[in-house]
N, C-alpha and C. Protein backbone atom coordinates (compact mmCIF):
# COMPACT_ATOMS: atom_id res chain seq x y z
N GLN A 1 26.71 -25.87 0.68
CA GLN A 1 25.87 -24.88 1.33
C GLN A 1 24.67 -24.58 0.43
N ALA A 2 23.50 -24.59 1.04
CA ALA A 2 22.28 -24.33 0.28
C ALA A 2 22.22 -22.86 -0.10
N GLN A 3 21.99 -22.60 -1.38
CA GLN A 3 21.92 -21.23 -1.86
C GLN A 3 20.79 -21.06 -2.85
N VAL A 4 20.22 -19.87 -2.83
CA VAL A 4 19.20 -19.48 -3.80
C VAL A 4 19.63 -18.15 -4.36
N VAL A 5 19.80 -18.07 -5.67
CA VAL A 5 20.36 -16.86 -6.29
C VAL A 5 19.43 -16.36 -7.39
N GLU A 6 19.03 -15.09 -7.24
CA GLU A 6 18.16 -14.47 -8.25
C GLU A 6 18.99 -13.69 -9.26
N SER A 7 18.41 -13.49 -10.43
CA SER A 7 19.02 -12.64 -11.44
C SER A 7 17.92 -12.11 -12.37
N GLY A 8 18.27 -11.06 -13.13
CA GLY A 8 17.35 -10.56 -14.14
C GLY A 8 16.65 -9.25 -13.82
N GLY A 9 16.89 -8.72 -12.65
CA GLY A 9 16.26 -7.44 -12.33
C GLY A 9 16.88 -6.30 -13.13
N GLY A 10 16.27 -5.12 -13.00
CA GLY A 10 16.81 -3.97 -13.70
C GLY A 10 15.80 -2.85 -13.80
N LEU A 11 16.11 -1.90 -14.68
CA LEU A 11 15.26 -0.73 -14.92
C LEU A 11 14.50 -0.91 -16.21
N VAL A 12 13.21 -0.67 -16.17
CA VAL A 12 12.38 -0.83 -17.36
C VAL A 12 11.30 0.25 -17.36
N GLN A 13 10.86 0.64 -18.53
CA GLN A 13 9.80 1.63 -18.65
C GLN A 13 8.43 0.98 -18.43
N PRO A 14 7.45 1.77 -18.02
CA PRO A 14 6.09 1.23 -17.90
C PRO A 14 5.64 0.58 -19.21
N GLY A 15 5.01 -0.57 -19.07
CA GLY A 15 4.58 -1.32 -20.25
C GLY A 15 5.61 -2.31 -20.75
N GLY A 16 6.81 -2.23 -20.21
CA GLY A 16 7.88 -3.12 -20.64
C GLY A 16 7.84 -4.47 -19.96
N SER A 17 8.87 -5.27 -20.24
CA SER A 17 8.94 -6.64 -19.73
C SER A 17 10.31 -6.92 -19.13
N LEU A 18 10.30 -7.82 -18.16
CA LEU A 18 11.53 -8.35 -17.58
C LEU A 18 11.30 -9.82 -17.27
N ARG A 19 12.38 -10.58 -17.26
CA ARG A 19 12.30 -11.98 -16.85
C ARG A 19 13.29 -12.23 -15.72
N LEU A 20 12.77 -12.65 -14.60
CA LEU A 20 13.61 -12.99 -13.47
C LEU A 20 13.88 -14.49 -13.45
N SER A 21 15.07 -14.83 -13.00
CA SER A 21 15.44 -16.24 -12.83
C SER A 21 15.92 -16.46 -11.41
N CYS A 22 15.73 -17.67 -10.93
CA CYS A 22 16.19 -18.02 -9.60
C CYS A 22 16.66 -19.46 -9.62
N ALA A 23 17.92 -19.65 -9.27
CA ALA A 23 18.51 -20.99 -9.27
C ALA A 23 18.80 -21.42 -7.84
N ALA A 24 18.32 -22.60 -7.49
CA ALA A 24 18.62 -23.19 -6.18
C ALA A 24 19.78 -24.16 -6.34
N SER A 25 20.67 -24.15 -5.38
CA SER A 25 21.83 -25.04 -5.45
C SER A 25 21.37 -26.50 -5.37
N ARG A 26 22.26 -27.37 -5.84
CA ARG A 26 21.94 -28.81 -5.85
C ARG A 26 21.88 -29.39 -4.46
N THR A 27 22.33 -28.64 -3.47
CA THR A 27 22.23 -29.11 -2.09
C THR A 27 20.81 -28.98 -1.55
N ILE A 28 19.93 -28.37 -2.32
CA ILE A 28 18.50 -28.32 -1.98
C ILE A 28 17.79 -29.28 -2.91
N TYR A 29 17.08 -30.24 -2.34
CA TYR A 29 16.44 -31.24 -3.18
C TYR A 29 15.02 -31.51 -2.67
N SER A 30 14.34 -32.37 -3.36
CA SER A 30 12.92 -32.64 -3.04
C SER A 30 12.16 -31.34 -2.91
N ILE A 31 12.37 -30.45 -3.88
CA ILE A 31 11.77 -29.13 -3.82
C ILE A 31 10.26 -29.22 -4.00
N ARG A 32 9.53 -28.61 -3.13
CA ARG A 32 8.08 -28.58 -3.23
C ARG A 32 7.65 -27.33 -3.97
N THR A 33 7.55 -26.22 -3.29
CA THR A 33 7.11 -24.99 -3.95
C THR A 33 8.30 -24.07 -4.23
N MET A 34 8.16 -23.31 -5.30
CA MET A 34 9.11 -22.26 -5.64
C MET A 34 8.28 -21.02 -5.91
N GLY A 35 8.75 -19.90 -5.43
CA GLY A 35 7.92 -18.72 -5.59
C GLY A 35 8.68 -17.42 -5.57
N TRP A 36 7.94 -16.37 -5.83
CA TRP A 36 8.49 -15.02 -5.83
C TRP A 36 7.66 -14.15 -4.89
N HIS A 37 8.38 -13.37 -4.10
CA HIS A 37 7.77 -12.35 -3.26
C HIS A 37 8.40 -11.03 -3.64
N ARG A 38 7.80 -9.93 -3.20
CA ARG A 38 8.41 -8.63 -3.44
C ARG A 38 8.16 -7.71 -2.26
N GLN A 39 9.05 -6.74 -2.12
CA GLN A 39 8.91 -5.76 -1.06
C GLN A 39 9.25 -4.38 -1.60
N ALA A 40 8.25 -3.52 -1.60
CA ALA A 40 8.43 -2.15 -2.02
C ALA A 40 8.83 -1.29 -0.81
N PRO A 41 9.46 -0.15 -1.04
CA PRO A 41 9.87 0.71 0.08
C PRO A 41 8.70 1.07 0.97
N GLY A 42 8.87 0.86 2.26
CA GLY A 42 7.83 1.22 3.21
C GLY A 42 6.67 0.25 3.29
N LYS A 43 6.77 -0.86 2.58
CA LYS A 43 5.68 -1.84 2.58
C LYS A 43 6.17 -3.21 3.05
N GLN A 44 5.23 -4.06 3.41
CA GLN A 44 5.58 -5.41 3.82
C GLN A 44 5.86 -6.27 2.60
N ARG A 45 6.63 -7.33 2.83
CA ARG A 45 6.87 -8.28 1.76
C ARG A 45 5.57 -8.99 1.43
N GLU A 46 5.32 -9.17 0.13
CA GLU A 46 4.09 -9.81 -0.29
C GLU A 46 4.35 -10.89 -1.32
N LEU A 47 3.48 -11.88 -1.34
CA LEU A 47 3.59 -12.95 -2.32
C LEU A 47 3.21 -12.42 -3.70
N VAL A 48 4.00 -12.79 -4.69
CA VAL A 48 3.71 -12.42 -6.08
C VAL A 48 3.15 -13.63 -6.82
N ALA A 49 3.89 -14.74 -6.76
CA ALA A 49 3.46 -15.94 -7.48
C ALA A 49 4.18 -17.14 -6.88
N VAL A 50 3.53 -18.29 -6.98
CA VAL A 50 4.12 -19.52 -6.47
C VAL A 50 3.74 -20.67 -7.41
N ILE A 51 4.63 -21.66 -7.51
CA ILE A 51 4.37 -22.82 -8.34
C ILE A 51 4.77 -24.07 -7.57
N THR A 52 3.91 -25.08 -7.60
CA THR A 52 4.19 -26.31 -6.86
C THR A 52 5.00 -27.28 -7.72
N ASP A 53 5.43 -28.38 -7.10
CA ASP A 53 6.16 -29.38 -7.86
C ASP A 53 5.27 -30.06 -8.89
N GLY A 54 3.96 -29.94 -8.72
CA GLY A 54 3.03 -30.49 -9.70
C GLY A 54 2.66 -29.52 -10.80
N GLY A 55 3.18 -28.31 -10.71
CA GLY A 55 2.93 -27.33 -11.75
C GLY A 55 1.74 -26.41 -11.48
N ASN A 56 1.10 -26.57 -10.33
CA ASN A 56 0.01 -25.66 -10.00
C ASN A 56 0.55 -24.30 -9.63
N THR A 57 -0.15 -23.26 -10.07
CA THR A 57 0.32 -21.89 -9.84
C THR A 57 -0.72 -21.06 -9.10
N ASN A 58 -0.22 -20.04 -8.44
CA ASN A 58 -1.09 -19.10 -7.76
C ASN A 58 -0.46 -17.72 -7.86
N TYR A 59 -1.28 -16.71 -8.13
CA TYR A 59 -0.78 -15.35 -8.33
C TYR A 59 -1.50 -14.36 -7.44
N ALA A 60 -0.79 -13.32 -7.07
CA ALA A 60 -1.43 -12.20 -6.41
C ALA A 60 -2.37 -11.52 -7.40
N ASP A 61 -3.46 -10.99 -6.91
CA ASP A 61 -4.44 -10.35 -7.80
C ASP A 61 -3.79 -9.22 -8.61
N ALA A 62 -2.84 -8.53 -8.01
CA ALA A 62 -2.23 -7.37 -8.67
C ALA A 62 -1.43 -7.73 -9.92
N VAL A 63 -1.04 -9.00 -10.04
CA VAL A 63 -0.18 -9.38 -11.18
C VAL A 63 -0.85 -10.38 -12.11
N LYS A 64 -2.03 -10.84 -11.77
CA LYS A 64 -2.72 -11.83 -12.61
C LYS A 64 -2.90 -11.29 -14.02
N GLY A 65 -2.58 -12.14 -14.99
CA GLY A 65 -2.72 -11.75 -16.38
C GLY A 65 -1.52 -11.01 -16.95
N ARG A 66 -0.59 -10.62 -16.07
CA ARG A 66 0.61 -9.90 -16.53
C ARG A 66 1.89 -10.68 -16.25
N PHE A 67 1.92 -11.43 -15.17
CA PHE A 67 3.11 -12.19 -14.78
C PHE A 67 2.86 -13.67 -14.99
N THR A 68 3.93 -14.39 -15.34
CA THR A 68 3.83 -15.84 -15.51
C THR A 68 5.00 -16.51 -14.79
N ILE A 69 4.68 -17.44 -13.90
CA ILE A 69 5.73 -18.18 -13.21
C ILE A 69 5.87 -19.55 -13.85
N SER A 70 7.12 -20.02 -13.94
CA SER A 70 7.38 -21.35 -14.49
C SER A 70 8.62 -21.91 -13.80
N ARG A 71 8.83 -23.20 -13.96
CA ARG A 71 10.00 -23.80 -13.32
C ARG A 71 10.58 -24.89 -14.20
N ASP A 72 11.88 -25.11 -14.04
CA ASP A 72 12.60 -26.18 -14.72
C ASP A 72 13.18 -27.05 -13.61
N ASN A 73 12.53 -28.17 -13.36
CA ASN A 73 12.96 -29.02 -12.23
C ASN A 73 14.35 -29.61 -12.45
N ALA A 74 14.70 -29.86 -13.68
CA ALA A 74 16.02 -30.42 -13.96
C ALA A 74 17.13 -29.45 -13.60
N LYS A 75 16.81 -28.17 -13.63
CA LYS A 75 17.81 -27.13 -13.34
C LYS A 75 17.60 -26.49 -11.96
N ASN A 76 16.62 -26.99 -11.21
CA ASN A 76 16.32 -26.36 -9.91
C ASN A 76 16.10 -24.86 -10.05
N THR A 77 15.41 -24.47 -11.10
CA THR A 77 15.28 -23.06 -11.43
C THR A 77 13.81 -22.67 -11.59
N VAL A 78 13.50 -21.46 -11.12
CA VAL A 78 12.16 -20.90 -11.30
C VAL A 78 12.30 -19.56 -12.00
N TYR A 79 11.32 -19.25 -12.83
CA TYR A 79 11.35 -18.02 -13.62
C TYR A 79 10.09 -17.20 -13.32
N LEU A 80 10.22 -15.89 -13.52
CA LEU A 80 9.06 -15.02 -13.45
C LEU A 80 9.10 -14.09 -14.65
N GLN A 81 8.21 -14.32 -15.59
CA GLN A 81 8.08 -13.45 -16.76
C GLN A 81 7.11 -12.34 -16.40
N MET A 82 7.59 -11.11 -16.45
CA MET A 82 6.79 -9.96 -16.06
C MET A 82 6.54 -9.09 -17.29
N ASP A 83 5.30 -8.98 -17.69
CA ASP A 83 4.91 -8.18 -18.84
C ASP A 83 4.00 -7.04 -18.38
N SER A 84 3.84 -6.06 -19.26
CA SER A 84 2.97 -4.90 -18.97
C SER A 84 3.28 -4.32 -17.59
N LEU A 85 4.54 -4.10 -17.34
CA LEU A 85 4.96 -3.63 -16.02
C LEU A 85 4.41 -2.25 -15.71
N LYS A 86 4.09 -2.06 -14.44
CA LYS A 86 3.54 -0.79 -13.97
C LYS A 86 4.49 -0.18 -12.94
N LEU A 87 4.31 1.10 -12.70
CA LEU A 87 5.14 1.80 -11.72
C LEU A 87 5.08 1.10 -10.37
N GLU A 88 3.90 0.61 -10.01
CA GLU A 88 3.72 -0.01 -8.70
C GLU A 88 4.34 -1.40 -8.59
N ASP A 89 4.91 -1.91 -9.67
CA ASP A 89 5.64 -3.18 -9.60
C ASP A 89 7.07 -2.98 -9.10
N THR A 90 7.47 -1.74 -8.95
CA THR A 90 8.81 -1.45 -8.45
C THR A 90 8.99 -2.01 -7.04
N ALA A 91 10.00 -2.83 -6.87
CA ALA A 91 10.24 -3.49 -5.59
C ALA A 91 11.51 -4.33 -5.69
N VAL A 92 11.94 -4.82 -4.54
CA VAL A 92 12.96 -5.87 -4.53
C VAL A 92 12.21 -7.20 -4.59
N TYR A 93 12.59 -8.03 -5.53
CA TYR A 93 11.93 -9.32 -5.72
C TYR A 93 12.80 -10.43 -5.12
N TYR A 94 12.18 -11.24 -4.29
CA TYR A 94 12.88 -12.32 -3.60
C TYR A 94 12.34 -13.67 -4.06
N CYS A 95 13.26 -14.57 -4.26
CA CYS A 95 12.91 -15.94 -4.60
C CYS A 95 12.82 -16.76 -3.31
N ASN A 96 11.87 -17.67 -3.28
CA ASN A 96 11.69 -18.55 -2.13
C ASN A 96 11.56 -19.98 -2.61
N VAL A 97 12.31 -20.86 -1.99
CA VAL A 97 12.30 -22.28 -2.36
C VAL A 97 12.04 -23.11 -1.10
N MET A 98 11.06 -23.98 -1.18
CA MET A 98 10.78 -24.87 -0.06
C MET A 98 11.24 -26.27 -0.44
N GLY A 99 12.29 -26.72 0.25
CA GLY A 99 12.83 -28.02 -0.09
C GLY A 99 13.69 -28.57 1.02
N ARG A 100 14.35 -29.67 0.74
CA ARG A 100 15.15 -30.35 1.76
C ARG A 100 16.62 -30.05 1.56
N GLY A 101 17.25 -29.63 2.64
CA GLY A 101 18.68 -29.38 2.63
C GLY A 101 19.38 -30.21 3.68
N ALA A 102 20.60 -29.82 4.02
CA ALA A 102 21.42 -30.60 4.95
C ALA A 102 20.80 -30.70 6.34
N THR A 103 20.03 -29.69 6.72
CA THR A 103 19.46 -29.64 8.07
C THR A 103 17.99 -30.02 8.09
N GLY A 104 17.48 -30.47 6.95
CA GLY A 104 16.08 -30.86 6.90
C GLY A 104 15.27 -30.01 5.96
N PHE A 105 13.96 -30.12 6.09
CA PHE A 105 13.05 -29.38 5.22
C PHE A 105 12.97 -27.94 5.68
N ALA A 106 13.12 -27.00 4.74
CA ALA A 106 13.14 -25.60 5.13
C ALA A 106 12.76 -24.70 3.97
N ASN A 107 12.53 -23.43 4.32
CA ASN A 107 12.33 -22.37 3.33
C ASN A 107 13.67 -21.69 3.10
N TYR A 108 14.03 -21.54 1.87
CA TYR A 108 15.28 -20.88 1.52
C TYR A 108 14.96 -19.62 0.73
N TRP A 109 15.66 -18.54 1.07
CA TRP A 109 15.42 -17.25 0.44
C TRP A 109 16.68 -16.75 -0.26
N GLY A 110 16.46 -16.08 -1.38
CA GLY A 110 17.56 -15.41 -2.05
C GLY A 110 17.79 -14.03 -1.47
N GLN A 111 18.80 -13.34 -1.97
CA GLN A 111 19.15 -12.02 -1.48
C GLN A 111 18.30 -10.92 -2.09
N GLY A 112 17.61 -11.22 -3.16
CA GLY A 112 16.73 -10.25 -3.78
C GLY A 112 17.35 -9.60 -5.01
N THR A 113 16.50 -9.20 -5.92
CA THR A 113 16.94 -8.47 -7.11
C THR A 113 16.00 -7.28 -7.32
N GLN A 114 16.58 -6.13 -7.60
CA GLN A 114 15.79 -4.90 -7.71
C GLN A 114 15.13 -4.80 -9.08
N VAL A 115 13.84 -4.52 -9.06
CA VAL A 115 13.10 -4.21 -10.28
C VAL A 115 12.56 -2.79 -10.14
N THR A 116 12.94 -1.94 -11.07
CA THR A 116 12.49 -0.55 -11.05
C THR A 116 11.75 -0.25 -12.34
N VAL A 117 10.53 0.18 -12.21
CA VAL A 117 9.71 0.57 -13.36
C VAL A 117 9.57 2.09 -13.32
N SER A 118 10.15 2.74 -14.32
CA SER A 118 10.17 4.20 -14.31
C SER A 118 10.25 4.72 -15.73
N SER A 119 9.63 5.86 -15.96
CA SER A 119 9.72 6.50 -17.27
C SER A 119 10.84 7.53 -17.27
């Protein structure tokens, strides 16, 4: 069964750092893009960062210069290093993987991990 599992969320003070990880099961292969989205209370889900299989990256303006996305293709894993965190970064962060599974090419989503920035 294709699965995407996030980890690394938690509570951090403003200005602090967190590193999120997301592992896609081996049943997902030929992975194209891997990315992170977030959804704050009362707001729509928004793209945070994405990385292609070629290593190209794209970031939301709100996180440029503070967040870094990377991936380890051998481990089917994507990371999000979040530095200089702000109160407005508080949200549930979801991992998204676009790849091929048992039923074909699809977008796979994780269950989300909570990131809370609070003093």
